[in-house]
Protein backbone atom coordinates (compact mmCIF):
# COMPACT_ATOMS: atom_id res chain seq x y z
CA MET A 1 -10.50 -2.77 26.80
CA ASP A 2 -13.61 -0.58 26.88
CA GLU A 3 -12.81 0.85 23.43
CA LEU A 4 -13.15 -2.63 21.93
CA LYS A 5 -16.50 -3.24 23.63
CA ASN A 6 -17.87 0.06 22.31
CA CYS A 7 -17.17 -0.87 18.71
CA ASN A 8 -19.91 -3.18 17.58
CA SER A 9 -20.36 -2.25 13.95
CA ASP A 10 -18.62 -2.99 10.68
CA PHE A 11 -15.41 -0.98 10.30
CA SER A 12 -16.73 0.32 6.97
CA VAL A 13 -19.51 2.14 8.84
CA VAL A 14 -16.91 3.87 11.02
CA ILE A 15 -14.86 4.87 7.98
CA ALA A 16 -17.97 6.10 6.14
CA ALA A 17 -18.81 8.42 9.05
CA PHE A 18 -15.34 9.96 8.89
CA VAL A 19 -15.51 10.27 5.09
CA ALA A 20 -18.76 12.20 5.55
CA GLU A 21 -16.95 14.44 8.01
CA ILE A 22 -14.18 15.05 5.47
CA LEU A 23 -16.82 16.07 2.93
CA THR A 24 -18.44 18.59 5.25
CA ALA A 25 -15.50 19.96 7.24
CA GLU A 26 -13.66 23.15 6.36
CA MET A 27 -10.21 22.29 5.00
CA SER A 28 -8.03 22.88 1.99
CA ASP A 29 -8.59 20.81 -1.12
CA LYS A 30 -5.12 19.30 -0.60
CA MET A 31 -5.88 18.16 2.97
CA GLN A 32 -9.22 16.80 1.84
CA LYS A 33 -7.46 14.78 -0.87
CA PHE A 34 -4.80 13.50 1.57
CA ARG A 35 -7.46 12.46 4.07
CA PHE A 36 -9.58 10.71 1.42
CA GLU A 37 -6.52 8.79 0.23
CA ALA A 38 -5.66 7.78 3.79
CA MET A 39 -9.22 6.62 4.46
CA GLY A 40 -9.11 4.48 1.31
CA GLN A 41 -5.78 3.03 2.41
CA LEU A 42 -7.21 2.32 5.87
CA GLN A 43 -10.25 0.60 4.33
CA SER A 44 -7.97 -1.57 2.22
CA ARG A 45 -5.71 -2.51 5.14
CA LEU A 46 -8.65 -3.42 7.37
CA THR A 47 -10.19 -5.50 4.58
CA HIS A 48 -6.88 -7.39 4.41
CA TYR A 49 -6.94 -7.96 8.19
CA ARG A 50 -10.53 -9.21 7.92
CA LYS A 51 -9.46 -11.71 5.25
CA LEU A 52 -6.77 -12.92 7.65
CA GLY A 53 -9.53 -13.67 10.16
CA TYR A 54 -9.28 -10.89 12.74
CA ILE A 55 -12.49 -10.10 14.62
CA GLU A 56 -14.64 -7.17 13.59
CA GLU A 57 -14.48 -5.44 16.99
CA LEU A 58 -10.69 -5.25 16.70
CA LEU A 59 -10.90 -3.86 13.16
CA CYS A 60 -13.61 -1.39 14.12
CA THR A 61 -11.47 -0.07 16.97
CA ILE A 62 -8.49 0.36 14.64
CA ALA A 63 -10.75 2.17 12.16
CA ARG A 64 -11.99 4.58 14.81
CA LYS A 65 -8.58 5.34 16.31
CA LYS A 66 -6.78 5.72 12.97
CA SER A 67 -9.61 7.85 11.53
CA VAL A 68 -9.42 10.24 14.47
CA MET A 69 -5.66 10.53 13.94
CA ILE A 70 -6.17 11.18 10.22
CA MET A 71 -8.69 13.92 11.01
CA ASN A 72 -6.31 15.50 13.54
CA ALA A 73 -3.28 15.37 11.23
CA SER A 74 -2.17 18.76 10.00
CA SER A 75 0.00 17.68 7.06
CA LYS A 76 0.56 14.93 4.52
CA THR A 77 3.66 13.94 6.51
CA ASP A 78 1.54 13.42 9.62
CA ILE A 79 -1.01 11.40 7.66
CA ASN A 80 1.77 9.22 6.27
CA LYS A 81 3.00 8.59 9.82
CA VAL A 82 -0.52 7.66 10.92
CA MET A 83 -0.80 5.24 8.01
CA SER A 84 2.60 3.62 8.49
CA LEU A 85 2.64 0.12 9.93
CA PRO A 86 3.30 -0.18 13.67
CA SER A 87 6.92 0.58 14.45
CA PRO A 88 7.58 0.20 18.16
CA SER A 89 11.14 0.95 19.21
CA PHE A 90 13.17 -1.29 21.48
CA ASN A 91 15.00 0.38 24.36
CA GLY A 92 17.02 -2.69 25.32
CA ASN A 93 14.41 -3.94 27.78
CA ARG A 94 11.04 -3.54 26.14
CA PHE A 95 9.20 -2.33 23.06
CA ILE A 96 7.77 1.18 23.16
CA PRO A 97 5.05 2.16 20.69
CA ASP A 98 5.35 5.17 18.42
CA LYS A 99 2.79 7.91 19.09
CA TYR A 100 1.04 6.98 15.83
CA ASP A 101 0.79 3.28 16.69
CA VAL A 102 -2.56 1.79 17.66
CA ALA A 103 -2.35 -1.05 20.20
CA GLU A 104 -4.85 -3.21 18.32
CA GLU A 105 -2.93 -2.95 15.06
CA GLU A 106 0.38 -3.52 16.81
CA MET A 107 -1.07 -6.71 18.29
CA ILE A 108 -1.96 -7.86 14.76
CA PHE A 109 1.62 -6.98 13.73
CA TRP A 110 3.00 -9.26 16.48
CA ALA A 111 0.51 -12.04 15.69
CA GLU A 112 1.47 -12.01 12.01
CA THR A 113 5.18 -11.88 12.88
CA SER A 114 4.77 -14.90 15.15
CA LEU A 115 3.37 -16.88 12.22
CA ARG A 116 6.58 -16.33 10.27
CA ALA A 117 9.06 -17.12 13.06
CA PRO A 118 8.99 -17.57 16.82
CA LEU A 119 9.01 -14.29 18.72
CA ASN A 120 11.98 -13.60 20.93
CA GLU A 121 11.34 -13.06 24.65
CA SER A 122 10.87 -9.29 24.32
CA GLY A 123 8.53 -9.67 21.35
CA PHE A 124 6.47 -12.28 23.18
CA LYS A 125 6.24 -10.06 26.27
CA ARG A 126 4.99 -7.15 24.15
CA TYR A 127 2.45 -9.35 22.34
CA ARG A 128 1.18 -10.69 25.66
CA GLU A 129 1.06 -7.17 27.14
CA LEU A 130 -1.03 -5.92 24.22
CA PHE A 131 -3.30 -8.96 24.34
CA GLY A 132 -3.88 -8.32 28.05
CA GLU A 133 -4.75 -4.67 27.41
CA ILE A 134 -7.12 -5.43 24.56
CA PHE A 135 -8.70 -8.64 25.86
CA PRO A 136 -8.30 -8.45 29.67
CA GLU A 137 -10.88 -11.12 30.57
CA LEU A 138 -9.62 -13.58 27.97
CA ALA A 139 -6.01 -12.93 29.01
CA LYS A 140 -6.91 -13.78 32.64
CA LYS A 141 -8.40 -17.08 31.49
CA ILE A 142 -5.42 -17.94 29.30
CA PHE A 143 -2.52 -16.62 31.38
CA GLY A 144 -4.09 -16.68 34.83
CA ASN A 145 -2.99 -13.13 35.68
């Protein structure tokens, strides 16, 4: 995924750039507070993912995508949706991501779920689909597609 290749810095640098934007952008004090809180929550979540061993490029991409969503949110409710954990819905055949889900974070969600119990067929298909989107060359080597 090109987005992943373009993210070659520490996720904290990405978050810091968006925090600077929050400081300088025109917005109400309430929205500024909500955005600062969300950025702190994002920093904490990504630090947790780093401790679990996920690669920096993946975390940096999540930081960039989530930060853009936080900046585009127009209410605390929207920010809360952005900051919720991935919640894809199942339509009976496949999992469909919510508009606030980020593929890279959803992939982490599936990876962590698989450590607790084997994924069912639909869950495995979604995990493999996300892996193929995010790491296309590696997926070709592993799965031969």
